[in-house]
Amino acid sequence: MLRKNNDSLIAYFSMEIGLTPQIPTYSGGLGVLAGDTVKTAADLKLPFVAITLLTKRGYFEQAIDSEGNQIEYPSNFEPHTMMKLLDVTTYVLIEGKKVYIRPWLYEVKSQTGGIVPVLYLDTDFDLNSHKDREITHYLYGGDSEYRLKQEIILGIGGVRILKEMNLRIWRYHMNEGHSALLTIELLNDNKRSIEEVWDENLVWDPDAVKQLCVFTTHTPVAAGHDRFDYSLVSRLLREDYIPMHVLQRFAGKENCNMTFLAMNLSEYINGVAKKHGEVSRKMFPGYEISAITNGVHSYTWVCPEMAKVYDKYIPGWANEPELFVRVETIPDEEIKNARKEAKKALFDMVFQKTGVRFDLDILTIGFARRATAYKRPHLLFYDLERLIKIGEGKIQIIYGGKAHPHDYEGKKMIKRIFELAKYLKDKIKIVYLPNYNMEIAQRLVSGVDVWLNTPQRPLEASGTSGMKAAHNGVINFSVLDGWWIEGYIEGVTGWSIGKHHSGDDFNIDSTPGDAEDLYNKLEHEIIPTYYNDKQKWCFMTKNSISKIAYYFNTHRMMRRYVTEAYLA
């Protein structure tokens, strides 16, 4: 349902949006957060439209061979099975040539009656050359040229599609810098005539654009922000949109920095956790950067076993997650039984996918996220002898996650975990689930007993997997970074790993100390509590729900965006 004429919309731009496993146009956390944002906008009946790329061949499908090598296959998504092709076409100029764009419509419908349209931009049709048809094939694929072409389609093309559809936009929300080129199209839309000004440079009206734009940054590392050489930018964009010297004024002199472009032309800028806001302000001094801590869509991430209990004792929880504070009204036995059913459902899936049978009575640790160095998936294996001494016969571990096709270190990490699983198979059972996606994620975050997170501080901007786990009564065991700094109460809502540092920590190798703390708490607190103090374990399970899930959800998050970013 698209609103027209006098109804103004919030246009939410994201390179990836993860709504369902059947639409594989997402890679991980950023896309799933975007999907949860859109679902919540529908729940709250916000005047919202989302814009993303179609990426018909997705991120990739992951297989893992018997030696632990990751193998990538295209997704080959057919949009007509899930979406409606709209009778709208526009174009952008790339290297002076027209590249045509058409949108596919998918409607996110809430049980509240709210509907949010999601527009998937597509270049794969017969008006374009073979090369241009491939622009919207792969998410995060190809080289810098391919990526910049995609960002032209998303940013400039996305604004033009909205104009072709006669949609009035109140705010443009850029979820990361991939869509920052939309500001160039808005600068053109808000140009002053040369008769109004004495200097040609004053034709461009950044203040008018700023009033329209909101920018959310998710990356606390400078290397993670998109930059393009101006030689490439001038070849692809030429001066068809804006003179290069004007673009440099907003995107930086040395290279075209999409984060600078977005920040210089946005009235409201935010990081995605309090700590991330602090880190971002130090990375980008002189910019006013707020913080709105991420959340997750409660209805999506609560497993059926727990949802049944919540429906019985906390009616309305799905659209009012703050009601989770009433979890104390649920009898302990009902929580324990639902948790056991969720654990069994996970183990059935593990057996189906790997042939490995897990024991329902053994403490099960889950770890699943993008396989890359800063996530430190190997921290648990820092001292193998000690891990065996602590965990033999007492823990079992489930891993999951994809490495980017060009992240060779990440691929080595997956292979190493496979090797360790074989080495430890008679002492500690370990599996690595292939092709991690939203469906597997929901089973994993609800079926394990402990959710482990071990990033190198302060590189975890927020993180949301632990929030999903807490919604299901799974207890977090995490490094003090991102959202967990705000969510943990030691021994009450979960356990911390390592110290909380107030500095940036970029040059601190905390691995030895973090590993020591991990082993100490596993040996002296987590394992003894799980096996010997069921009452405390249930107490912490309920606290995970009542003190974490009630707050770390996208309903709270979106209400803050509305009041602080969209209506301010």
Protein backbone atom coordinates (compact mmCIF):
# COMPACT_ATOMS: atom_id res chain seq x y z
CA MET A 1 0.00 0.00 0.00
CA LEU A 2 1.79 3.12 -1.26
CA ARG A 3 0.67 6.50 0.03
CA LYS A 4 0.52 9.38 -2.42
CA ASN A 5 -0.31 13.04 -2.73
CA ASN A 6 -0.40 14.76 0.66
CA ASP A 7 0.87 11.86 2.80
CA SER A 8 4.58 12.31 3.51
CA LEU A 9 6.73 9.21 3.99
CA ILE A 10 9.97 8.30 5.67
CA ALA A 11 12.20 6.70 3.01
CA TYR A 12 14.54 4.13 4.54
CA PHE A 13 17.53 3.24 2.33
CA SER A 14 19.62 0.14 3.02
CA MET A 15 21.91 -1.85 0.72
CA GLU A 16 20.50 -5.04 2.25
CA ILE A 17 17.21 -5.84 3.97
CA GLY A 18 16.68 -9.23 5.60
CA LEU A 19 12.98 -9.96 5.89
CA THR A 20 12.75 -13.70 5.31
CA PRO A 21 15.13 -16.50 4.25
CA GLN A 22 13.07 -16.84 1.08
CA ILE A 23 14.32 -13.40 -0.05
CA PRO A 24 18.12 -13.85 0.22
CA THR A 25 19.07 -10.20 -0.37
CA TYR A 26 20.96 -9.88 2.92
CA SER A 27 24.29 -11.04 4.32
CA GLY A 28 23.97 -10.64 8.08
CA GLY A 29 23.54 -8.19 10.92
CA LEU A 30 23.07 -4.96 8.97
CA GLY A 31 20.43 -6.47 6.70
CA VAL A 32 18.59 -8.30 9.45
CA LEU A 33 18.49 -5.11 11.52
CA ALA A 34 17.05 -3.30 8.48
CA GLY A 35 14.41 -6.02 8.14
CA ASP A 36 13.51 -5.77 11.82
CA THR A 37 13.26 -1.99 11.42
CA VAL A 38 10.82 -2.33 8.52
CA LYS A 39 8.70 -4.91 10.37
CA THR A 40 8.46 -2.63 13.38
CA ALA A 41 7.52 0.33 11.20
CA ALA A 42 4.61 -1.82 9.98
CA ASP A 43 3.68 -2.79 13.56
CA LEU A 44 3.62 0.87 14.58
CA LYS A 45 1.84 1.91 11.36
CA LEU A 46 4.53 4.45 10.54
CA PRO A 47 4.39 6.21 7.14
CA PHE A 48 7.38 4.28 5.84
CA VAL A 49 8.80 3.07 2.54
CA ALA A 50 12.03 1.06 2.28
CA ILE A 51 14.41 1.03 -0.69
CA THR A 52 17.06 -1.61 -1.34
CA LEU A 53 18.72 -3.57 -4.15
CA LEU A 54 17.25 -6.74 -5.57
CA THR A 55 20.54 -8.71 -5.80
CA LYS A 56 18.96 -11.71 -7.55
CA ARG A 57 21.94 -13.94 -6.86
CA GLY A 58 22.04 -12.85 -3.25
CA TYR A 59 25.09 -12.75 -1.02
CA PHE A 60 25.85 -16.44 -1.53
CA GLU A 61 24.82 -19.91 -0.43
CA GLN A 62 27.48 -21.52 1.73
CA ALA A 63 28.58 -25.14 1.63
CA ILE A 64 31.42 -26.51 3.74
CA ASP A 65 33.34 -29.57 2.54
CA SER A 66 34.67 -32.39 4.71
CA GLU A 67 37.92 -30.49 5.29
CA GLY A 68 36.18 -27.32 6.43
CA ASN A 69 36.65 -25.31 3.23
CA GLN A 70 33.89 -22.80 2.49
CA ILE A 71 32.38 -23.14 -0.98
CA GLU A 72 30.15 -20.36 -2.38
CA TYR A 73 27.16 -20.75 -4.69
CA PRO A 74 24.83 -18.04 -6.06
CA SER A 75 21.32 -17.88 -4.57
CA ASN A 76 19.44 -17.51 -7.90
CA PHE A 77 16.40 -15.78 -6.43
CA GLU A 78 13.35 -15.38 -8.71
CA PRO A 79 11.57 -12.19 -7.57
CA HIS A 80 8.25 -12.94 -9.27
CA THR A 81 7.66 -15.73 -6.73
CA MET A 82 7.54 -13.24 -3.84
CA MET A 83 7.09 -9.76 -5.32
CA LYS A 84 5.13 -7.68 -7.78
CA LEU A 85 6.88 -5.87 -10.63
CA LEU A 86 5.70 -2.25 -10.72
CA ASP A 87 5.05 -0.41 -13.95
CA VAL A 88 7.63 2.26 -13.17
CA THR A 89 11.00 2.89 -14.80
CA THR A 90 13.71 5.47 -14.34
CA TYR A 91 17.37 5.70 -15.22
CA VAL A 92 20.72 6.93 -13.95
CA LEU A 93 23.76 7.93 -15.97
CA ILE A 94 26.85 5.76 -15.49
CA GLU A 95 29.83 6.69 -17.68
CA GLY A 96 27.45 8.95 -19.56
CA LYS A 97 25.20 6.05 -20.55
CA LYS A 98 21.64 5.47 -19.37
CA VAL A 99 21.18 2.51 -17.01
CA TYR A 100 17.50 1.76 -16.50
CA ILE A 101 15.98 0.77 -13.15
CA ARG A 102 12.66 -0.81 -12.27
CA PRO A 103 11.27 -1.60 -8.80
CA TRP A 104 9.75 -4.79 -7.45
CA LEU A 105 7.27 -4.36 -4.60
CA TYR A 106 7.15 -6.54 -1.49
CA GLU A 107 4.71 -5.55 1.24
CA VAL A 108 5.53 -6.19 4.89
CA LYS A 109 2.22 -6.72 6.66
CA SER A 110 1.84 -6.58 10.42
CA GLN A 111 -0.76 -8.25 12.60
CA THR A 112 -1.66 -4.72 13.71
CA GLY A 113 -2.84 -3.91 10.18
CA GLY A 114 0.16 -1.78 9.30
CA ILE A 115 1.79 -2.22 5.90
CA VAL A 116 5.24 -1.07 4.76
CA PRO A 117 6.19 -1.30 1.07
CA VAL A 118 9.74 -2.39 0.27
CA LEU A 119 11.04 -1.41 -3.18
CA TYR A 120 13.72 -3.70 -4.61
CA LEU A 121 15.67 -1.93 -7.38
CA ASP A 122 16.52 -4.04 -10.41
CA THR A 123 18.65 -3.43 -13.52
CA ASP A 124 18.39 -6.99 -14.89
CA PHE A 125 16.02 -6.46 -17.82
CA ASP A 126 16.23 -5.99 -21.57
CA LEU A 127 16.56 -2.19 -21.69
CA ASN A 128 20.10 -2.57 -20.32
CA SER A 129 23.29 -4.09 -21.70
CA HIS A 130 24.46 -7.44 -20.39
CA LYS A 131 27.06 -5.74 -18.19
CA ASP A 132 24.57 -3.29 -16.70
CA ARG A 133 22.03 -6.04 -16.09
CA GLU A 134 24.57 -7.64 -13.73
CA ILE A 135 24.82 -4.56 -11.46
CA THR A 136 22.04 -5.84 -9.21
CA HIS A 137 23.10 -9.49 -9.20
CA TYR A 138 25.44 -9.85 -6.20
CA LEU A 139 25.35 -8.27 -2.75
CA TYR A 140 28.82 -6.94 -1.83
CA GLY A 141 30.23 -8.65 -4.90
CA GLY A 142 32.84 -7.58 -7.44
CA ASP A 143 35.39 -4.78 -7.22
CA SER A 144 35.20 -1.07 -6.33
CA GLU A 145 33.71 -0.22 -9.71
CA TYR A 146 30.91 -2.75 -9.25
CA ARG A 147 30.22 -1.48 -5.72
CA LEU A 148 30.12 2.17 -6.81
CA LYS A 149 27.72 1.33 -9.62
CA GLN A 150 25.46 -0.37 -7.07
CA GLU A 151 25.60 2.67 -4.81
CA ILE A 152 24.64 4.92 -7.75
CA ILE A 153 21.62 2.67 -8.40
CA LEU A 154 20.62 2.60 -4.72
CA GLY A 155 21.16 6.26 -3.84
CA ILE A 156 20.48 8.29 -6.97
CA GLY A 157 18.25 5.66 -8.59
CA GLY A 158 16.27 5.13 -5.39
CA VAL A 159 15.38 8.82 -5.12
CA ARG A 160 14.40 8.93 -8.77
CA ILE A 161 12.14 5.89 -8.42
CA LEU A 162 10.35 7.58 -5.51
CA LYS A 163 9.87 10.70 -7.64
CA GLU A 164 8.56 8.65 -10.57
CA MET A 165 6.00 7.13 -8.18
CA ASN A 166 4.93 10.63 -7.02
CA LEU A 167 5.72 9.81 -3.41
CA ARG A 168 6.29 12.74 -1.07
CA ILE A 169 9.23 12.12 1.24
CA TRP A 170 9.51 13.74 4.65
CA ARG A 171 12.87 12.22 5.66
CA TYR A 172 15.52 10.16 3.87
CA HIS A 173 17.13 7.73 6.32
CA MET A 174 20.47 6.29 5.16
CA ASN A 175 21.23 3.01 6.94
CA GLU A 176 25.02 3.09 6.50
CA GLY A 177 26.87 5.01 3.80
CA HIS A 178 26.02 2.78 0.83
CA SER A 179 23.10 5.04 -0.11
CA ALA A 180 24.91 8.35 0.53
CA LEU A 181 24.76 9.38 -3.15
CA LEU A 182 21.08 10.10 -2.63
CA THR A 183 22.28 13.41 -1.18
CA ILE A 184 23.66 14.35 -4.62
CA GLU A 185 20.25 13.88 -6.19
CA LEU A 186 18.70 15.95 -3.38
CA LEU A 187 21.28 18.71 -3.90
CA ASN A 188 20.17 18.89 -7.52
CA ASP A 189 16.54 18.98 -6.46
CA ASN A 190 17.23 21.87 -4.09
CA LYS A 191 19.46 24.06 -6.25
CA ARG A 192 19.04 27.80 -6.17
CA SER A 193 18.89 29.53 -9.51
CA ILE A 194 22.01 31.43 -10.53
CA GLU A 195 19.96 34.63 -10.51
CA GLU A 196 19.47 34.23 -6.74
CA VAL A 197 23.16 34.11 -5.85
CA TRP A 198 26.30 35.99 -6.82
CA ASP A 199 28.61 32.97 -6.75
CA GLU A 200 28.06 29.74 -8.72
CA ASN A 201 29.30 27.73 -5.71
CA LEU A 202 26.32 29.00 -3.72
CA VAL A 203 23.85 27.40 -6.12
CA TRP A 204 24.09 24.22 -4.05
CA ASP A 205 21.98 24.44 -0.89
CA PRO A 206 23.30 21.92 1.66
CA ASP A 207 21.07 23.23 4.45
CA ALA A 208 17.93 22.32 2.51
CA VAL A 209 19.26 18.78 2.01
CA LYS A 210 20.35 18.43 5.64
CA GLN A 211 16.81 19.07 6.82
CA LEU A 212 15.69 16.04 4.83
CA CYS A 213 18.39 13.53 5.81
CA VAL A 214 19.12 11.14 8.68
CA PHE A 215 22.27 9.01 8.75
CA THR A 216 23.01 5.93 10.86
CA THR A 217 26.60 4.68 10.97
CA HIS A 218 27.28 1.09 12.05
CA THR A 219 31.06 0.93 11.71
CA PRO A 220 33.56 1.86 14.47
CA VAL A 221 36.62 1.22 12.25
CA ALA A 222 37.84 3.75 9.67
CA ALA A 223 38.63 0.98 7.17
CA GLY A 224 35.00 -0.14 7.24
CA HIS A 225 33.69 3.08 5.67
CA ASP A 226 33.24 3.08 1.90
CA ARG A 227 35.81 5.15 0.01
CA PHE A 228 36.27 5.46 -3.74
CA ASP A 229 39.12 7.03 -5.73
CA TYR A 230 38.02 10.20 -7.46
CA SER A 231 39.47 8.85 -10.71
CA LEU A 232 36.82 6.10 -10.55
CA VAL A 233 34.09 8.47 -9.35
CA SER A 234 34.73 10.99 -12.12
CA ARG A 235 34.78 8.21 -14.74
CA LEU A 236 31.44 6.74 -13.61
CA LEU A 237 29.62 9.93 -12.55
CA ARG A 238 31.49 12.35 -14.82
CA GLU A 239 29.88 15.71 -14.07
CA ASP A 240 26.40 14.52 -15.00
CA TYR A 241 25.16 15.09 -11.45
CA ILE A 242 27.45 17.54 -9.75
CA PRO A 243 30.83 19.19 -10.40
CA MET A 244 33.66 17.17 -8.84
CA HIS A 245 34.88 20.14 -6.80
CA VAL A 246 31.43 20.41 -5.20
CA LEU A 247 31.35 16.66 -4.44
CA GLN A 248 34.82 16.98 -2.85
CA ARG A 249 33.48 19.74 -0.64
CA PHE A 250 31.09 17.24 0.98
CA ALA A 251 32.82 13.85 0.50
CA GLY A 252 36.44 14.78 1.24
CA LYS A 253 39.40 15.97 -0.79
CA GLU A 254 41.54 12.80 -0.91
CA ASN A 255 38.87 10.28 -1.85
CA CYS A 256 35.11 10.05 -2.05
CA ASN A 257 34.21 9.00 1.49
CA MET A 258 30.56 7.97 1.64
CA THR A 259 30.42 8.45 5.40
CA PHE A 260 31.63 12.05 5.11
CA LEU A 261 29.15 12.65 2.30
CA ALA A 262 26.28 11.36 4.43
CA MET A 263 27.37 13.17 7.59
CA ASN A 264 27.97 16.51 5.87
CA LEU A 265 24.48 16.44 4.40
CA SER A 266 22.45 15.06 7.33
CA GLU A 267 20.78 16.99 10.11
CA TYR A 268 20.76 13.97 12.41
CA ILE A 269 23.59 11.42 12.74
CA ASN A 270 23.67 8.48 15.12
CA GLY A 271 25.68 5.47 16.15
CA VAL A 272 24.01 2.22 17.18
CA ALA A 273 25.01 1.90 20.86
CA LYS A 274 26.17 4.34 23.53
CA LYS A 275 29.76 3.11 23.28
CA HIS A 276 29.64 3.28 19.49
CA GLY A 277 28.41 6.86 19.68
CA GLU A 278 31.46 7.74 21.82
CA VAL A 279 33.86 5.98 19.44
CA SER A 280 32.25 7.67 16.42
CA ARG A 281 32.56 11.14 17.96
CA LYS A 282 36.30 10.50 18.45
CA MET A 283 36.65 9.15 14.90
CA PHE A 284 34.83 12.14 13.43
CA PRO A 285 35.55 15.16 15.65
CA GLY A 286 33.42 18.17 14.98
CA TYR A 287 30.29 16.22 14.11
CA GLU A 288 27.33 15.96 16.45
CA ILE A 289 26.72 12.21 16.65
CA SER A 290 23.94 10.82 18.83
CA ALA A 291 23.37 7.19 19.79
CA ILE A 292 20.27 5.03 19.46
CA THR A 293 21.02 1.51 20.59
CA ASN A 294 19.82 -1.18 18.21
CA GLY A 295 17.07 -3.66 18.98
CA VAL A 296 15.47 -6.73 17.42
CA HIS A 297 11.94 -7.47 16.26
CA SER A 298 10.51 -9.48 19.12
CA TYR A 299 7.82 -11.34 17.16
CA THR A 300 10.35 -12.50 14.55
CA TRP A 301 12.99 -13.79 16.95
CA VAL A 302 10.98 -15.48 19.70
CA CYS A 303 10.78 -19.19 18.93
CA PRO A 304 7.36 -20.93 18.79
CA GLU A 305 7.98 -22.78 22.07
CA MET A 306 8.58 -19.57 24.04
CA ALA A 307 5.90 -17.63 22.14
CA LYS A 308 3.30 -20.13 23.32
CA VAL A 309 4.20 -19.44 26.95
CA TYR A 310 4.32 -15.66 26.43
CA ASP A 311 0.89 -15.75 24.75
CA LYS A 312 -0.51 -17.51 27.79
CA TYR A 313 0.96 -15.28 30.50
CA ILE A 314 1.89 -11.98 28.79
CA PRO A 315 -0.76 -11.33 26.12
CA GLY A 316 0.18 -8.46 23.82
CA TRP A 317 3.95 -8.99 24.18
CA ALA A 318 4.57 -9.07 20.42
CA ASN A 319 3.54 -5.46 19.87
CA GLU A 320 4.37 -4.22 23.37
CA PRO A 321 7.71 -5.84 24.23
CA GLU A 322 7.94 -3.70 27.37
CA LEU A 323 5.45 -6.20 28.84
CA PHE A 324 8.36 -8.64 29.17
CA VAL A 325 8.97 -7.06 32.59
CA ARG A 326 6.05 -9.23 33.74
CA VAL A 327 7.90 -12.48 33.05
CA GLU A 328 7.89 -13.22 36.80
CA THR A 329 4.24 -14.18 36.42
CA ILE A 330 5.31 -17.25 34.42
CA PRO A 331 5.91 -20.37 36.56
CA ASP A 332 9.52 -21.56 36.47
CA GLU A 333 8.52 -25.02 35.24
CA GLU A 334 6.76 -23.63 32.19
CA ILE A 335 9.87 -21.60 31.27
CA LYS A 336 12.09 -24.66 31.78
CA ASN A 337 9.83 -26.89 29.68
CA ALA A 338 9.64 -24.38 26.82
CA ARG A 339 13.42 -23.94 26.91
CA LYS A 340 13.89 -27.73 26.77
CA GLU A 341 11.51 -28.02 23.80
CA ALA A 342 13.43 -25.28 21.97
CA LYS A 343 16.70 -27.04 22.71
CA LYS A 344 15.35 -30.31 21.33
CA ALA A 345 14.13 -28.57 18.16
CA LEU A 346 17.62 -27.13 17.66
CA PHE A 347 19.28 -30.51 18.17
CA ASP A 348 16.90 -32.11 15.68
CA MET A 349 17.98 -29.50 13.13
CA VAL A 350 21.67 -30.04 13.96
CA PHE A 351 21.29 -33.79 13.40
CA GLN A 352 19.45 -33.23 10.13
CA LYS A 353 22.17 -30.92 8.79
CA THR A 354 25.31 -32.55 10.22
CA GLY A 355 24.44 -36.08 11.35
CA VAL A 356 25.75 -35.24 14.83
CA ARG A 357 23.56 -35.98 17.85
CA PHE A 358 23.78 -33.60 20.80
CA ASP A 359 22.87 -34.40 24.40
CA LEU A 360 19.90 -32.48 25.84
CA ASP A 361 21.38 -32.54 29.34
CA ILE A 362 24.76 -31.02 28.47
CA LEU A 363 25.42 -27.27 28.66
CA THR A 364 25.31 -26.00 25.07
CA ILE A 365 27.14 -22.89 23.90
CA GLY A 366 26.19 -21.08 20.68
CA PHE A 367 28.40 -18.82 18.56
CA ALA A 368 27.22 -17.58 15.15
CA ARG A 369 28.16 -14.42 13.26
CA ARG A 370 30.19 -13.39 10.24
CA ALA A 371 33.47 -15.30 10.22
CA THR A 372 36.07 -12.55 10.39
CA ALA A 373 39.12 -11.80 12.50
CA TYR A 374 37.75 -9.17 14.90
CA LYS A 375 34.89 -11.46 15.97
CA ARG A 376 37.54 -13.83 17.42
CA PRO A 377 35.63 -17.12 17.07
CA HIS A 378 38.78 -18.93 18.24
CA LEU A 379 39.02 -17.23 21.62
CA LEU A 380 37.36 -20.24 23.23
CA PHE A 381 40.26 -22.39 21.98
CA TYR A 382 43.06 -20.08 23.14
CA ASP A 383 44.29 -22.71 25.63
CA LEU A 384 43.08 -26.11 24.42
CA GLU A 385 44.39 -28.07 27.39
CA ARG A 386 42.56 -25.81 29.80
CA LEU A 387 39.37 -25.92 27.76
CA ILE A 388 39.46 -29.73 27.79
CA LYS A 389 40.09 -29.78 31.53
CA ILE A 390 37.16 -27.42 32.16
CA GLY A 391 34.69 -28.65 29.56
CA GLU A 392 35.21 -32.34 28.85
CA GLY A 393 31.83 -34.02 29.20
CA LYS A 394 30.32 -30.75 30.44
CA ILE A 395 29.94 -28.52 27.36
CA GLN A 396 29.06 -28.85 23.68
CA ILE A 397 29.37 -26.07 21.10
CA ILE A 398 27.49 -25.03 17.95
CA TYR A 399 29.08 -22.62 15.46
CA GLY A 400 27.67 -20.93 12.38
CA GLY A 401 28.41 -18.04 10.05
CA LYS A 402 29.73 -17.15 6.61
CA ALA A 403 33.05 -15.60 5.65
CA HIS A 404 32.96 -12.99 2.88
CA PRO A 405 34.24 -14.64 -0.33
CA HIS A 406 37.28 -12.33 -0.30
CA ASP A 407 37.98 -12.72 3.45
CA TYR A 408 40.57 -15.47 3.30
CA GLU A 409 41.40 -15.17 6.99
CA GLY A 410 37.73 -15.68 7.79
CA LYS A 411 37.68 -18.81 5.65
CA LYS A 412 40.76 -20.10 7.48
CA MET A 413 38.90 -19.61 10.77
CA ILE A 414 36.04 -21.82 9.61
CA LYS A 415 38.51 -24.47 8.49
CA ARG A 416 40.35 -24.28 11.83
CA ILE A 417 37.12 -24.82 13.78
CA PHE A 418 36.47 -27.91 11.64
CA GLU A 419 39.94 -29.20 12.49
CA LEU A 420 39.38 -28.54 16.21
CA ALA A 421 36.00 -30.29 16.08
CA LYS A 422 37.71 -33.41 14.77
CA TYR A 423 40.54 -33.15 17.30
CA LEU A 424 38.19 -32.68 20.26
CA LYS A 425 35.38 -35.02 19.14
CA ASP A 426 35.97 -37.55 21.94
CA LYS A 427 36.15 -34.84 24.59
CA ILE A 428 33.98 -31.85 23.56
CA LYS A 429 31.38 -32.13 20.81
CA ILE A 430 31.53 -29.26 18.27
CA VAL A 431 29.61 -28.67 15.03
CA TYR A 432 29.70 -25.91 12.42
CA LEU A 433 26.31 -25.36 10.78
CA PRO A 434 26.58 -24.57 7.05
CA ASN A 435 24.69 -21.83 5.19
CA TYR A 436 23.74 -19.78 8.24
CA ASN A 437 20.58 -17.75 7.54
CA MET A 438 17.59 -16.27 9.40
CA GLU A 439 15.83 -19.62 9.71
CA ILE A 440 18.86 -21.34 11.25
CA ALA A 441 19.55 -18.27 13.38
CA GLN A 442 16.12 -18.35 15.01
CA ARG A 443 16.63 -21.99 16.00
CA LEU A 444 20.16 -21.41 17.26
CA VAL A 445 19.55 -18.26 19.34
CA SER A 446 16.58 -19.95 21.03
CA GLY A 447 17.94 -23.48 21.51
CA VAL A 448 21.36 -23.07 23.12
CA ASP A 449 21.86 -22.43 26.83
CA VAL A 450 24.57 -19.77 26.57
CA TRP A 451 25.20 -17.26 23.77
CA LEU A 452 28.91 -16.51 23.38
CA ASN A 453 30.24 -13.28 21.83
CA THR A 454 33.96 -12.50 21.76
CA PRO A 455 34.71 -9.44 19.58
CA GLN A 456 37.88 -7.39 19.88
CA ARG A 457 36.91 -4.17 21.68
CA PRO A 458 35.72 -1.66 20.49
CA LEU A 459 35.01 -3.12 17.06
CA GLU A 460 31.49 -4.36 17.80
CA ALA A 461 29.37 -1.30 17.03
CA SER A 462 26.30 -2.88 18.61
CA GLY A 463 25.59 -6.53 17.86
CA THR A 464 22.06 -7.91 17.98
CA SER A 465 22.36 -11.70 18.13
CA GLY A 466 22.60 -11.62 21.93
CA MET A 467 19.39 -9.60 22.09
CA LYS A 468 17.64 -12.32 20.08
CA ALA A 469 19.01 -14.95 22.44
CA ALA A 470 17.79 -13.02 25.50
CA HIS A 471 14.27 -12.87 24.03
CA ASN A 472 14.26 -16.66 24.33
CA GLY A 473 15.72 -16.84 27.82
CA VAL A 474 19.21 -17.74 26.60
CA ILE A 475 21.92 -16.28 28.83
CA ASN A 476 24.62 -14.05 27.32
CA PHE A 477 28.33 -14.50 27.93
CA SER A 478 30.01 -11.65 26.09
CA VAL A 479 32.90 -9.23 25.82
CA LEU A 480 31.98 -5.79 27.17
CA ASP A 481 31.44 -4.04 23.87
CA GLY A 482 28.53 -2.74 21.82
CA TRP A 483 25.07 -3.21 23.33
CA TRP A 484 26.26 -5.61 26.08
CA ILE A 485 27.84 -2.73 28.01
CA GLU A 486 24.29 -1.43 28.45
CA GLY A 487 22.60 -4.82 28.93
CA TYR A 488 24.75 -6.78 31.34
CA ILE A 489 24.38 -7.01 35.09
CA GLU A 490 27.04 -9.46 36.17
CA GLY A 491 25.57 -12.74 37.40
CA VAL A 492 22.04 -11.36 36.95
CA THR A 493 21.42 -10.96 33.20
CA GLY A 494 24.54 -12.85 32.12
CA TRP A 495 28.31 -12.75 32.36
CA SER A 496 30.95 -10.42 30.96
CA ILE A 497 34.30 -11.32 29.41
CA GLY A 498 37.25 -9.06 30.12
CA LYS A 499 37.32 -5.56 31.48
CA HIS A 500 35.27 -2.54 30.52
CA HIS A 501 37.64 0.06 29.09
CA SER A 502 36.65 3.68 28.71
CA GLY A 503 39.24 4.32 25.98
CA ASP A 504 39.08 3.37 22.32
CA ASP A 505 41.10 0.16 22.87
CA PHE A 506 42.19 0.01 19.22
CA ASN A 507 45.82 -0.71 20.08
CA ILE A 508 45.21 -3.05 23.00
CA ASP A 509 45.56 -6.80 22.48
CA SER A 510 43.12 -8.00 25.09
CA THR A 511 43.12 -11.63 23.92
CA PRO A 512 45.19 -13.18 26.77
CA GLY A 513 43.20 -11.42 29.50
CA ASP A 514 39.86 -12.08 27.80
CA ALA A 515 40.68 -15.77 27.40
CA GLU A 516 41.67 -16.04 31.05
CA ASP A 517 38.43 -14.40 32.17
CA LEU A 518 36.41 -16.61 29.81
CA TYR A 519 37.93 -19.79 31.25
CA ASN A 520 37.59 -18.63 34.86
CA LYS A 521 33.91 -17.81 34.52
CA LEU A 522 33.16 -20.92 32.53
CA GLU A 523 34.85 -23.11 35.15
CA HIS A 524 33.81 -21.40 38.37
CA GLU A 525 30.46 -19.78 37.58
CA ILE A 526 28.70 -20.92 34.40
CA ILE A 527 29.23 -24.69 34.51
CA PRO A 528 28.59 -25.01 38.28
CA THR A 529 25.45 -22.87 38.05
CA TYR A 530 24.06 -24.85 35.13
CA TYR A 531 24.57 -28.26 36.76
CA ASN A 532 24.23 -27.47 40.47
CA ASP A 533 21.96 -24.43 40.88
CA LYS A 534 18.92 -24.78 38.62
CA GLN A 535 17.07 -22.12 40.61
CA LYS A 536 19.71 -19.46 39.87
CA TRP A 537 19.84 -20.54 36.23
CA CYS A 538 16.10 -20.00 35.91
CA PHE A 539 16.45 -16.68 37.74
CA MET A 540 19.00 -15.54 35.13
CA THR A 541 16.85 -16.91 32.30
CA LYS A 542 13.94 -14.79 33.44
CA ASN A 543 16.19 -11.76 33.93
CA SER A 544 17.40 -12.13 30.34
CA ILE A 545 13.81 -11.67 29.27
CA SER A 546 12.58 -9.10 31.79
CA LYS A 547 15.69 -6.91 31.88
CA ILE A 548 16.99 -7.29 28.32
CA ALA A 549 14.19 -8.24 25.91
CA TYR A 550 11.84 -5.59 27.34
CA TYR A 551 14.30 -2.84 26.27
CA PHE A 552 16.53 -4.14 23.48
CA ASN A 553 13.83 -4.37 20.84
CA THR A 554 13.09 -2.41 17.67
CA HIS A 555 9.82 -0.99 19.04
CA ARG A 556 11.78 1.04 21.57
CA MET A 557 14.42 1.81 18.95
CA MET A 558 11.94 3.07 16.35
CA ARG A 559 10.08 5.25 18.82
CA ARG A 560 13.40 6.99 19.49
CA TYR A 561 14.07 7.45 15.78
CA VAL A 562 10.61 8.98 15.38
CA THR A 563 11.01 11.48 18.21
CA GLU A 564 14.71 12.29 17.85
CA ALA A 565 15.38 11.98 14.11
CA TYR A 566 12.20 12.07 12.03
CA LEU A 567 10.12 14.65 13.89
CA ALA A 568 12.89 16.76 15.41
